[in-house]
Protein backbone atom coordinates (compact mmCIF):
# COMPACT_ATOMS: atom_id res chain seq x y z
CA UNK A 1 2.11 2.03 1.76
CA UNK A 2 3.61 2.51 5.23
CA UNK A 3 1.12 0.48 7.28
CA UNK A 4 1.35 -3.32 7.13
CA UNK A 5 -2.03 -4.73 6.12
CA UNK A 6 -2.01 -8.03 7.97
CA UNK A 7 -4.92 -10.26 6.99
CA UNK A 8 -4.28 -12.92 9.65
CA UNK A 9 -4.13 -13.04 13.44
CA UNK A 10 -1.60 -15.79 14.13
CA UNK A 11 1.33 -17.15 12.12
CA UNK A 12 2.82 -20.56 12.90
CA UNK A 13 6.17 -21.60 11.44
CA UNK A 14 7.17 -25.26 11.39
CA UNK A 15 10.49 -27.04 10.84
CA UNK A 16 11.74 -27.36 7.24
CA UNK A 17 9.78 -29.75 5.02
CA UNK A 18 7.47 -30.72 7.89
CA UNK A 19 4.00 -29.35 7.16
CA UNK A 20 2.43 -32.15 9.19
CA UNK A 21 3.73 -30.54 12.40
CA UNK A 22 1.29 -27.66 11.86
CA UNK A 23 -1.85 -29.55 10.83
CA UNK A 24 -3.19 -30.23 14.38
CA UNK A 25 -3.50 -26.46 15.02
CA UNK A 26 -6.10 -25.90 12.30
CA UNK A 27 -8.74 -27.00 14.80
CA UNK A 28 -7.40 -24.86 17.65
CA UNK A 29 -9.84 -22.98 19.87
CA UNK A 30 -11.80 -20.11 18.22
CA UNK A 31 -10.16 -20.52 14.77
CA UNK A 32 -12.38 -19.15 11.98
CA UNK A 33 -10.11 -19.39 8.93
CA UNK A 34 -6.80 -21.02 8.06
CA UNK A 35 -4.33 -21.30 5.18
CA UNK A 36 -1.36 -23.66 4.79
CA UNK A 37 1.54 -22.30 2.81
CA UNK A 38 5.03 -23.51 1.92
CA UNK A 39 7.79 -21.07 1.06
CA UNK A 40 10.95 -21.45 -1.05
CA UNK A 41 13.35 -18.67 -2.01
CA UNK A 42 15.40 -18.33 -5.21
CA UNK A 43 17.12 -15.55 -7.09
CA UNK A 44 16.85 -14.53 -10.72
CA UNK A 45 18.98 -12.28 -12.92
CA UNK A 46 17.15 -9.97 -15.32
CA UNK A 47 18.76 -8.11 -18.19
CA UNK A 48 18.37 -4.32 -18.10
CA UNK A 49 15.71 -4.34 -20.85
CA UNK A 50 13.56 -6.78 -18.82
CA UNK A 51 13.56 -4.70 -15.63
CA UNK A 52 10.40 -2.52 -15.27
CA UNK A 53 11.18 1.15 -15.93
CA UNK A 54 9.69 2.20 -12.57
CA UNK A 55 12.15 -0.06 -10.73
CA UNK A 56 15.13 1.54 -12.50
CA UNK A 57 14.32 4.83 -10.74
CA UNK A 58 15.00 3.24 -7.36
CA UNK A 59 18.28 4.56 -5.89
CA UNK A 60 19.20 0.98 -4.89
CA UNK A 61 18.81 -0.30 -8.45
CA UNK A 62 22.44 0.06 -9.53
CA UNK A 63 23.68 -1.61 -6.35
CA UNK A 64 21.89 -4.80 -7.46
CA UNK A 65 23.27 -4.76 -11.02
CA UNK A 66 26.19 -7.05 -11.87
CA UNK A 67 27.55 -7.46 -15.41
CA UNK A 68 24.49 -5.69 -16.80
CA UNK A 69 22.05 -7.99 -14.98
CA UNK A 70 19.75 -7.15 -12.07
CA UNK A 71 19.47 -9.45 -9.04
CA UNK A 72 15.82 -10.15 -8.26
CA UNK A 73 14.66 -12.08 -5.19
CA UNK A 74 11.97 -14.67 -5.99
CA UNK A 75 9.62 -15.93 -3.30
CA UNK A 76 7.68 -19.05 -4.29
CA UNK A 77 4.56 -19.74 -2.22
CA UNK A 78 2.76 -23.08 -2.43
CA UNK A 79 -0.91 -23.34 -1.41
CA UNK A 80 -3.12 -26.37 -0.90
CA UNK A 81 -4.78 -27.34 -4.18
CA UNK A 82 -8.25 -26.27 -2.99
CA UNK A 83 -6.92 -23.00 -1.55
CA UNK A 84 -5.09 -22.30 -4.82
CA UNK A 85 -8.22 -22.94 -6.90
CA UNK A 86 -10.18 -20.61 -4.59
CA UNK A 87 -7.44 -18.01 -4.95
CA UNK A 88 -7.58 -18.22 -8.75
CA UNK A 89 -11.35 -17.82 -8.62
CA UNK A 90 -11.14 -14.87 -6.23
CA UNK A 91 -8.56 -12.97 -8.30
CA UNK A 92 -10.07 -13.90 -11.66
CA UNK A 93 -6.79 -15.42 -12.83
CA UNK A 94 -7.48 -17.68 -15.81
CA UNK A 95 -4.65 -20.20 -15.43
CA UNK A 96 -4.51 -23.96 -15.04
CA UNK A 97 -4.48 -25.40 -11.50
CA UNK A 98 -0.79 -26.33 -12.04
CA UNK A 99 0.09 -22.82 -13.27
CA UNK A 100 2.02 -19.99 -11.61
CA UNK A 101 0.56 -16.56 -10.79
CA UNK A 102 2.75 -13.54 -10.09
CA UNK A 103 1.66 -10.77 -7.69
CA UNK A 104 2.72 -7.99 -10.01
CA UNK A 105 3.34 -5.28 -7.41
CA UNK A 106 6.27 -3.97 -5.38
CA UNK A 107 6.13 -1.93 -2.16
CA UNK A 108 9.39 -0.81 -0.59
CA UNK A 109 11.38 2.04 0.96
CA UNK A 110 14.41 3.12 -1.06
CA UNK A 111 17.74 4.37 0.25
CA UNK A 112 16.46 7.94 -0.25
CA UNK A 113 13.80 7.16 2.43
CA UNK A 114 11.01 7.42 -0.15
CA UNK A 115 8.24 4.83 -0.20
CA UNK A 116 7.75 3.27 -3.64
CA UNK A 117 4.96 1.29 -5.26
CA UNK A 118 5.41 -0.02 -8.78
CA UNK A 119 4.90 -2.88 -11.19
CA UNK A 120 7.08 -5.85 -10.27
CA UNK A 121 7.53 -7.30 -13.76
CA UNK A 122 6.78 -6.32 -17.34
CA UNK A 123 4.98 -9.45 -18.50
CA UNK A 124 4.99 -8.19 -22.10
CA UNK A 125 8.76 -8.76 -22.04
CA UNK A 126 9.23 -11.46 -19.42
CA UNK A 127 7.17 -14.64 -19.13
CA UNK A 128 9.94 -16.98 -18.03
CA UNK A 129 12.46 -16.58 -15.20
CA UNK A 130 15.67 -18.51 -14.56
CA UNK A 131 16.12 -19.79 -11.01
CA UNK A 132 19.48 -19.41 -9.26
CA UNK A 133 20.83 -20.62 -5.92
CA UNK A 134 24.09 -19.73 -4.18
CA UNK A 135 26.35 -22.80 -4.08
CA UNK A 136 28.90 -21.33 -1.66
CA UNK A 137 31.00 -19.60 -4.30
CA UNK A 138 28.61 -18.17 -6.89
CA UNK A 139 25.02 -18.17 -8.06
CA UNK A 140 24.26 -21.34 -9.95
CA UNK A 141 21.37 -21.75 -12.36
CA UNK A 142 19.20 -24.62 -11.13
CA UNK A 143 16.10 -24.31 -13.33
CA UNK A 144 13.45 -21.99 -14.71
CA UNK A 145 9.83 -21.09 -14.10
CA UNK A 146 7.04 -20.10 -16.48
CA UNK A 147 4.62 -17.34 -15.39
CA UNK A 148 1.04 -18.00 -16.50
CA UNK A 149 -0.95 -15.12 -14.94
CA UNK A 150 -0.79 -11.98 -12.83
CA UNK A 151 -2.75 -10.29 -10.06
CA UNK A 152 -2.39 -7.47 -7.54
CA UNK A 153 -4.08 -9.41 -4.73
CA UNK A 154 -2.09 -11.62 -2.37
CA UNK A 155 -3.46 -14.69 -0.56
CA UNK A 156 -3.67 -14.66 3.22
CA UNK A 157 -0.23 -14.53 4.81
CA UNK A 158 1.68 -13.29 1.74
CA UNK A 159 2.84 -9.70 2.18
CA UNK A 160 3.90 -7.68 -0.82
CA UNK A 161 7.36 -6.15 -0.45
CA UNK A 162 10.66 -5.76 -2.27
CA UNK A 163 10.80 -8.96 -4.29
CA UNK A 164 8.77 -11.04 -6.71
CA UNK A 165 6.01 -13.18 -5.16
CA UNK A 166 4.94 -16.22 -7.18
CA UNK A 167 1.82 -18.15 -6.11
CA UNK A 168 1.20 -21.77 -7.08
CA UNK A 169 -0.17 -25.04 -5.77
CA UNK A 170 1.96 -27.04 -3.36
CA UNK A 171 2.26 -29.86 -5.91
CA UNK A 172 3.71 -27.41 -8.44
CA UNK A 173 6.13 -26.08 -5.81
CA UNK A 174 7.28 -29.61 -4.96
CA UNK A 175 7.78 -30.30 -8.67
CA UNK A 176 9.98 -27.21 -8.99
CA UNK A 177 11.92 -28.25 -5.87
CA UNK A 178 12.53 -31.69 -7.37
CA UNK A 179 13.68 -30.24 -10.71
CA UNK A 180 16.00 -27.70 -9.07
CA UNK A 181 17.30 -29.94 -6.30
CA UNK A 182 16.12 -27.44 -3.67
CA UNK A 183 15.10 -29.68 -0.80
CA UNK A 184 14.33 -27.13 1.92
CA UNK A 185 10.97 -25.40 2.19
CA UNK A 186 9.56 -23.50 5.16
CA UNK A 187 5.96 -24.42 6.14
CA UNK A 188 3.57 -21.78 7.48
CA UNK A 189 0.06 -21.88 8.90
CA UNK A 190 -1.95 -18.65 9.03
CA UNK A 191 -4.98 -18.43 11.31
CA UNK A 192 -7.80 -15.98 11.96
CA UNK A 193 -9.57 -16.28 15.30
CA UNK A 194 -12.48 -14.88 17.35
CA UNK A 195 -10.09 -14.62 20.29
CA UNK A 196 -6.42 -14.69 19.17
CA UNK A 197 -5.10 -14.63 22.75
CA UNK A 198 -7.11 -17.70 23.75
CA UNK A 199 -6.10 -19.43 20.51
CA UNK A 200 -2.41 -18.75 21.18
CA UNK A 201 -2.71 -20.10 24.73
CA UNK A 202 -4.29 -23.31 23.39
CA UNK A 203 -1.54 -23.66 20.78
CA UNK A 204 1.25 -23.00 23.33
CA UNK A 205 -0.07 -25.78 25.56
CA UNK A 206 0.18 -28.42 22.81
CA UNK A 207 2.95 -27.29 20.45
CA UNK A 208 6.47 -28.69 20.35
CA UNK A 209 9.62 -26.60 20.66
CA UNK A 210 10.31 -26.51 16.91
CA UNK A 211 7.01 -24.72 16.13
CA UNK A 212 7.14 -20.92 16.37
CA UNK A 213 4.02 -18.82 17.05
CA UNK A 214 3.66 -15.16 16.10
CA UNK A 215 0.52 -13.36 17.34
CA UNK A 216 0.12 -10.00 15.62
CA UNK A 217 -3.16 -8.95 17.28
CA UNK A 218 -1.58 -6.05 19.17
CA UNK A 219 0.14 -4.78 16.02
CA UNK A 220 -3.11 -5.04 14.06
CA UNK A 221 -4.98 -3.15 16.77
CA UNK A 222 -2.38 -0.36 16.71
CA UNK A 223 -2.64 -0.11 12.90
CA UNK A 224 -6.44 -0.09 13.06
CA UNK A 225 -6.43 2.60 15.77
CA UNK A 226 -4.07 4.74 13.67
CA UNK A 227 -6.30 4.31 10.59
CA UNK A 228 -9.41 5.12 12.65
CA UNK A 229 -7.77 8.27 14.05
CA UNK A 230 -6.82 9.47 10.56
CA UNK A 231 -10.32 8.69 9.26
CA UNK A 232 -12.02 10.58 12.12
CA UNK A 233 -9.96 13.70 11.50
CA UNK A 234 -10.20 13.49 7.70
CA UNK A 235 -13.91 12.72 7.38
CA UNK A 236 -14.79 15.02 10.29
CA UNK A 237 -13.06 17.91 8.52
CA UNK A 238 -14.69 17.00 5.17
CA UNK A 239 -18.14 16.81 6.81
CA UNK A 240 -17.69 20.18 8.53
CA UNK A 241 -16.50 21.96 5.36
CA UNK A 242 -19.28 20.34 3.30
CA UNK A 243 -21.96 21.42 5.80
CA UNK A 244 -20.68 25.01 5.79
CA UNK A 245 -20.55 25.04 1.98
CA UNK A 246 -24.09 23.68 1.59
CA UNK A 247 -25.41 26.21 4.13
CA UNK A 248 -23.70 29.01 2.19
CA UNK A 249 -25.23 27.81 -1.09
CA UNK A 250 -28.74 27.75 0.40
CA UNK A 251 -28.25 31.16 2.03
CA UNK A 252 -26.84 32.81 -1.13
CA UNK A 253 -29.51 31.44 -3.46
CA UNK A 254 -32.34 32.15 -1.01
CA UNK A 255 -31.18 35.75 -0.59
CA UNK A 256 -30.78 36.18 -4.35
CA UNK A 257 -34.31 34.90 -5.03
CA UNK A 258 -35.80 37.12 -2.30
CA UNK A 259 -34.16 40.20 -3.83
CA UNK A 260 -35.67 39.34 -7.23
CA UNK A 261 -39.32 39.22 -6.11
CA UNK A 262 -40.10 42.42 -8.05
CA UNK A 263 -38.44 41.01 -11.19
CA UNK A 264 -40.47 37.80 -10.96
CA UNK A 265 -43.69 39.73 -10.36
CA UNK A 266 -43.00 41.87 -13.44
CA UNK A 267 -42.44 38.78 -15.61
CA UNK A 268 -45.67 37.23 -14.37
CA UNK A 269 -47.56 40.50 -14.99
CA UNK A 270 -46.62 40.43 -18.69
CA UNK A 271 -47.84 36.86 -19.15
CA UNK A 272 -45.21 34.39 -17.91
CA UNK A 273 -46.98 31.16 -16.98
CA UNK A 274 -46.07 28.99 -13.95
CA UNK A 275 -44.66 26.42 -16.42
CA UNK A 276 -42.47 29.07 -18.04
CA UNK A 277 -41.36 30.30 -14.61
CA UNK A 278 -40.35 26.78 -13.57
CA UNK A 279 -38.47 26.29 -16.83
CA UNK A 280 -36.54 29.54 -16.23
CA UNK A 281 -35.63 28.44 -12.69
CA UNK A 282 -34.47 25.03 -13.97
CA UNK A 283 -32.21 26.67 -16.56
CA UNK A 284 -30.78 28.99 -13.93
CA UNK A 285 -30.06 26.01 -11.66
CA UNK A 286 -28.18 24.28 -14.49
CA UNK A 287 -26.14 27.41 -15.25
CA UNK A 288 -25.33 27.90 -11.53
CA UNK A 289 -24.08 24.30 -11.36
CA UNK A 290 -22.08 24.52 -14.60
CA UNK A 291 -20.47 27.80 -13.55
CA UNK A 292 -19.46 26.41 -10.14
CA UNK A 293 -17.95 23.31 -11.82
CA UNK A 294 -16.20 25.50 -14.42
CA UNK A 295 -14.31 27.19 -11.59
CA UNK A 296 -14.28 24.38 -9.05
CA UNK A 297 -13.03 21.40 -11.08
CA UNK A 298 -9.83 23.04 -12.45
CA UNK A 299 -9.05 24.44 -8.98
CA UNK A 300 -9.80 21.03 -7.46
CA UNK A 301 -7.54 19.15 -9.91
CA UNK A 302 -4.79 21.73 -9.37
CA UNK A 303 -5.07 21.24 -5.59
CA UNK A 304 -4.96 17.44 -6.02
CA UNK A 305 -1.82 17.67 -8.14
CA UNK A 306 -0.11 20.03 -5.66
CA UNK A 307 -0.93 17.57 -2.85
CA UNK A 308 0.45 14.75 -4.99
CA UNK A 309 3.69 16.69 -5.57
CA UNK A 310 3.98 17.41 -1.84
CA UNK A 311 3.48 13.73 -0.94
CA UNK A 312 5.88 12.76 -3.71
CA UNK A 313 8.71 14.01 -1.50
CA UNK A 314 8.18 10.87 0.60
CA UNK A 315 6.09 8.53 -1.60
CA UNK A 316 6.79 7.54 -5.20
CA UNK A 317 3.51 6.76 -6.97
CA UNK A 318 1.67 7.90 -10.09
CA UNK A 319 -0.91 10.70 -10.07
CA UNK A 320 -4.38 9.15 -10.23
CA UNK A 321 -7.42 11.44 -9.76
CA UNK A 322 -10.34 9.93 -7.79
CA UNK A 323 -12.78 9.88 -10.71
CA UNK A 324 -15.67 8.33 -8.76
CA UNK A 325 -15.40 11.08 -6.13
CA UNK A 326 -15.32 13.72 -8.88
CA UNK A 327 -18.45 12.18 -10.44
CA UNK A 328 -20.16 12.16 -7.03
CA UNK A 329 -19.31 15.86 -6.54
CA UNK A 330 -20.71 16.78 -9.98
CA UNK A 331 -24.01 15.04 -9.18
CA UNK A 332 -24.06 16.51 -5.66
CA UNK A 333 -23.53 20.08 -6.96
CA UNK A 334 -26.59 19.90 -9.22
CA UNK A 335 -28.65 18.21 -6.49
CA UNK A 336 -27.74 20.87 -3.89
CA UNK A 337 -28.23 23.83 -6.25
CA UNK A 338 -31.52 22.38 -7.51
CA UNK A 339 -32.77 21.81 -3.96
CA UNK A 340 -31.78 25.33 -2.92
CA UNK A 341 -33.60 26.84 -5.92
CA UNK A 342 -36.76 24.80 -5.25
CA UNK A 343 -36.67 25.77 -1.57
CA UNK A 344 -36.22 29.48 -2.36
CA UNK A 345 -38.76 29.73 -5.20
CA UNK A 346 -41.31 27.80 -3.17
CA UNK A 347 -41.57 30.81 -0.85
CA UNK A 348 -42.44 33.30 -3.60
CA UNK A 349 -44.70 31.25 -5.87
CA UNK A 350 -47.84 32.26 -3.95
CA UNK A 351 -46.97 35.94 -3.63
CA UNK A 352 -49.41 38.53 -5.01
CA UNK A 353 -48.16 40.09 -8.27
CA UNK A 354 -49.17 43.63 -7.18
CA UNK A 355 -47.41 43.28 -3.82
CA UNK A 356 -44.35 42.03 -5.65
CA UNK A 357 -44.32 45.04 -8.00
CA UNK A 358 -44.58 47.43 -5.04
CA UNK A 359 -41.58 45.84 -3.27
CA UNK A 360 -38.44 47.95 -3.19
CA UNK A 361 -35.02 46.33 -2.70
CA UNK A 362 -32.89 48.04 -0.10
């Protein structure tokens, strides 16, 4: 929530309504991927009942309310038709090629310095938004827009923040511009490259003065280094604790089995078969695993919730247990306990019954 997740290396911004000024740079040196995008900004006013409940908790909410209506910034992004179709396919959005998809997520830092993540719009209540522009004196309604689908995934170059992001084809965006009388759009070109520095140098040699270039390679490298550092410490600590825990399990079970040699010899002397012995060991393994989970899972969930409450001092997000990790741990517990039991019992299976009966535990 605090680290920008840039999915491009270079951003080029062209003069208003002049996408053609950016087209020559698609074939710049070392470019591997590119996306054209046009951007238009509007504002919308939502009634209190249409504003998502999570957004009402934001300390800045009331500052944006006027006459019972909430001021919402709308960012309309127009993609090439082929890019938009690919985006719909990638996100699984089942809308027509001339439809509008909303990225239904907000990420922002409130005035209380908390970081928030919430739903951007309650589509059960709101499917249509009025478009407003400031005419110099007041906000004037210039049109409306129908929302046809939603997703949490943004196309390359679109960063989720404090405002509503609407994704559509460029033809649809131009149609909305024509209907609303909004003539100005800002064109962008986003590039990924094998060598962003070399690509920028090639672009700088041929670009005109009204094209701006933003190379974020250094920022991306700093973010990646920070993430790598956190991962090394986190996973290194997890690996160390896990190794110690597994060693303790093997040591405890092995010692327990060794101390029960006389008990096992006595059971065998009264007629317990190897099959019966194995069945007993299997049941014990299951009970060991169930008992550890009976204690461990409640303590684990309690620890997760306490961590969530601690982080909630700076980050506002819902409590969501990592169910796949919990499932992995459950399977791992039984696998480790079972392996430890097999390892320990394997040592005593060939022992002589008489020698086992003579053994005294000290």
